[in-house]
C-alpha atoms as a PDB file:
ATOM      1  CA  MET A   1      14.862 -11.592 -19.786  1.00  0.00           C
ATOM      2  CA  PRO A   2      13.254 -11.957 -16.339  1.00  0.00           C
ATOM      3  CA  TYR A   3      15.123 -11.181 -13.141  1.00  0.00           C
ATOM      4  CA  ILE A   4      13.552 -12.678 -10.028  1.00  0.00           C
ATOM      5  CA  THR A   5      14.719 -11.826  -6.512  1.00  0.00           C
ATOM      6  CA  ILE A   6      13.573 -13.831  -3.511  1.00  0.00           C
ATOM      7  CA  SER A   7      14.136 -12.057  -0.188  1.00  0.00           C
ATOM      8  CA  THR A   8      14.325 -14.078   2.997  1.00  0.00           C
ATOM      9  CA  VAL A   9      15.730 -14.018   6.504  1.00  0.00           C
ATOM     10  CA  ARG A  10      19.258 -15.456   6.688  1.00  0.00           C
ATOM     11  CA  GLY A  11      19.263 -18.834   8.386  1.00  0.00           C
ATOM     12  CA  ILE A  12      15.877 -20.135   7.267  1.00  0.00           C
ATOM     13  CA  LEU A  13      16.816 -21.924   4.036  1.00  0.00           C
ATOM     14  CA  ASP A  14      19.586 -24.511   3.875  1.00  0.00           C
ATOM     15  CA  ALA A  15      21.654 -25.181   0.719  1.00  0.00           C
ATOM     16  CA  ALA A  16      19.351 -27.949  -0.544  1.00  0.00           C
ATOM     17  CA  GLN A  17      16.244 -25.790  -0.070  1.00  0.00           C
ATOM     18  CA  LYS A  18      17.872 -22.896  -1.939  1.00  0.00           C
ATOM     19  CA  LYS A  19      18.799 -25.192  -4.836  1.00  0.00           C
ATOM     20  CA  THR A  20      15.236 -26.536  -5.005  1.00  0.00           C
ATOM     21  CA  LEU A  21      13.739 -23.048  -4.844  1.00  0.00           C
ATOM     22  CA  LEU A  22      15.995 -21.751  -7.636  1.00  0.00           C
ATOM     23  CA  GLU A  23      15.157 -24.731  -9.853  1.00  0.00           C
ATOM     24  CA  ARG A  24      11.403 -24.610  -9.270  1.00  0.00           C
ATOM     25  CA  VAL A  25      11.095 -20.849  -9.767  1.00  0.00           C
ATOM     26  CA  THR A  26      13.022 -21.237 -13.026  1.00  0.00           C
ATOM     27  CA  ASP A  27      10.730 -24.097 -14.089  1.00  0.00           C
ATOM     28  CA  LEU A  28       7.666 -21.975 -13.310  1.00  0.00           C
ATOM     29  CA  MET A  29       8.960 -19.051 -15.364  1.00  0.00           C
ATOM     30  CA  VAL A  30       9.661 -21.381 -18.309  1.00  0.00           C
ATOM     31  CA  GLU A  31       6.102 -22.678 -18.047  1.00  0.00           C
ATOM     32  CA  VAL A  32       4.338 -19.335 -17.599  1.00  0.00           C
ATOM     33  CA  GLU A  33       6.359 -16.661 -19.370  1.00  0.00           C
ATOM     34  CA  GLY A  34       8.270 -18.910 -21.751  1.00  0.00           C
ATOM     35  CA  HIS A  35       5.178 -20.918 -22.738  1.00  0.00           C
ATOM     36  CA  GLY A  36       7.105 -24.134 -22.055  1.00  0.00           C
ATOM     37  CA  SER A  37       9.993 -23.350 -24.411  1.00  0.00           C
ATOM     38  CA  PRO A  38      13.220 -24.975 -23.185  1.00  0.00           C
ATOM     39  CA  GLU A  39      15.173 -22.189 -24.952  1.00  0.00           C
ATOM     40  CA  PHE A  40      13.625 -19.610 -22.604  1.00  0.00           C
ATOM     41  CA  ARG A  41      15.368 -21.217 -19.594  1.00  0.00           C
ATOM     42  CA  LYS A  42      18.765 -19.688 -20.444  1.00  0.00           C
ATOM     43  CA  ASN A  43      17.279 -16.182 -20.112  1.00  0.00           C
ATOM     44  CA  ILE A  44      16.010 -16.509 -16.531  1.00  0.00           C
ATOM     45  CA  TRP A  45      17.938 -15.019 -13.636  1.00  0.00           C
ATOM     46  CA  VAL A  46      16.848 -16.021 -10.120  1.00  0.00           C
ATOM     47  CA  ARG A  47      18.569 -14.720  -7.004  1.00  0.00           C
ATOM     48  CA  ILE A  48      18.047 -15.439  -3.323  1.00  0.00           C
ATOM     49  CA  GLU A  49      18.788 -12.404  -1.213  1.00  0.00           C
ATOM     50  CA  GLU A  50      19.276 -13.117   2.477  1.00  0.00           C
ATOM     51  CA  GLN A  51      19.118 -10.410   5.113  1.00  0.00           C
ATOM     52  CA  GLU A  52      20.157 -10.593   8.738  1.00  0.00           C
ATOM     53  CA  PRO A  53      17.253 -11.277  11.127  1.00  0.00           C
ATOM     54  CA  SER A  54      17.653  -7.772  12.613  1.00  0.00           C
ATOM     55  CA  HIS A  55      16.653  -6.323   9.223  1.00  0.00           C
ATOM     56  CA  TRP A  56      13.197  -7.918   9.400  1.00  0.00           C
ATOM     57  CA  SER A  57      10.094  -7.452  11.488  1.00  0.00           C
ATOM     58  CA  LEU A  58       6.884  -9.456  11.687  1.00  0.00           C
ATOM     59  CA  GLY A  59       4.122  -7.877  13.681  1.00  0.00           C
ATOM     60  CA  GLY A  60       6.643  -5.460  15.177  1.00  0.00           C
ATOM     61  CA  MET A  61       8.853  -8.263  16.480  1.00  0.00           C
ATOM     62  CA  GLN A  62      12.332  -8.953  15.126  1.00  0.00           C
ATOM     63  CA  PRO A  63      13.322 -12.605  14.817  1.00  0.00           C
ATOM     64  CA  THR A  64      16.559 -13.645  16.487  1.00  0.00           C
ATOM     65  CA  SER A  65      18.979 -16.356  15.409  1.00  0.00           C
ATOM     66  CA  GLU A  66      17.759 -18.392  18.375  1.00  0.00           C
ATOM     67  CA  ILE A  67      14.114 -18.096  17.333  1.00  0.00           C
ATOM     68  CA  ILE A  68      14.996 -19.072  13.760  1.00  0.00           C
ATOM     69  CA  ALA A  69      17.073 -22.074  14.905  1.00  0.00           C
ATOM     70  CA  SER A  70      14.372 -23.241  17.312  1.00  0.00           C
ATOM     71  CA  THR A  71      11.705 -22.937  14.612  1.00  0.00           C
ATOM     72  CA  PHE A  72      13.543 -24.156  11.523  1.00  0.00           C
ATOM     73  CA  GLY A  73      16.722 -25.804  12.889  1.00  0.00           C
ATOM     74  CA  ALA A  74      20.207 -24.322  12.706  1.00  0.00           C
ATOM     75  CA  ILE A  75      22.241 -24.375   9.518  1.00  0.00           C
ATOM     76  CA  GLY A  76      25.851 -25.533   9.752  1.00  0.00           C
ATOM     77  CA  ALA A  77      28.840 -23.907   8.046  1.00  0.00           C
ATOM     78  CA  ASP A  78      28.472 -26.438   5.214  1.00  0.00           C
ATOM     79  CA  GLY A  79      24.980 -25.088   4.401  1.00  0.00           C
ATOM     80  CA  VAL A  80      23.222 -28.220   5.666  1.00  0.00           C
ATOM     81  CA  ARG A  81      20.451 -27.978   8.240  1.00  0.00           C
ATOM     82  CA  VAL A  82      21.329 -29.366  11.653  1.00  0.00           C
ATOM     83  CA  ALA A  83      18.581 -31.460  13.226  1.00  0.00           C
ATOM     84  CA  ARG A  84      16.685 -29.690  15.988  1.00  0.00           C
ATOM     85  CA  PRO A  85      17.060 -31.253  19.402  1.00  0.00           C
ATOM     86  CA  LYS A  86      13.988 -33.140  20.616  1.00  0.00           C
ATOM     87  CA  PRO A  87      12.145 -31.406  23.482  1.00  0.00           C
END
């Protein structure tokens, strides 16, 4: 029974992206480890673990909510990405 954990910075993935990621990782595990068996699907656990931006560093720099929103667009309380304003 595989357990897959995907770690990411909170605020990068919206609800639709998370759903797609969970589905596609599951599909990949069915294909690779389950040899295509549909029965194997019910044994796959996939979890997205989100951490606050202050818990991450890339090249010694911590991302801020503002940097994430300006790069990826903000995510509203409903989990849907808000369009970035045009420059």
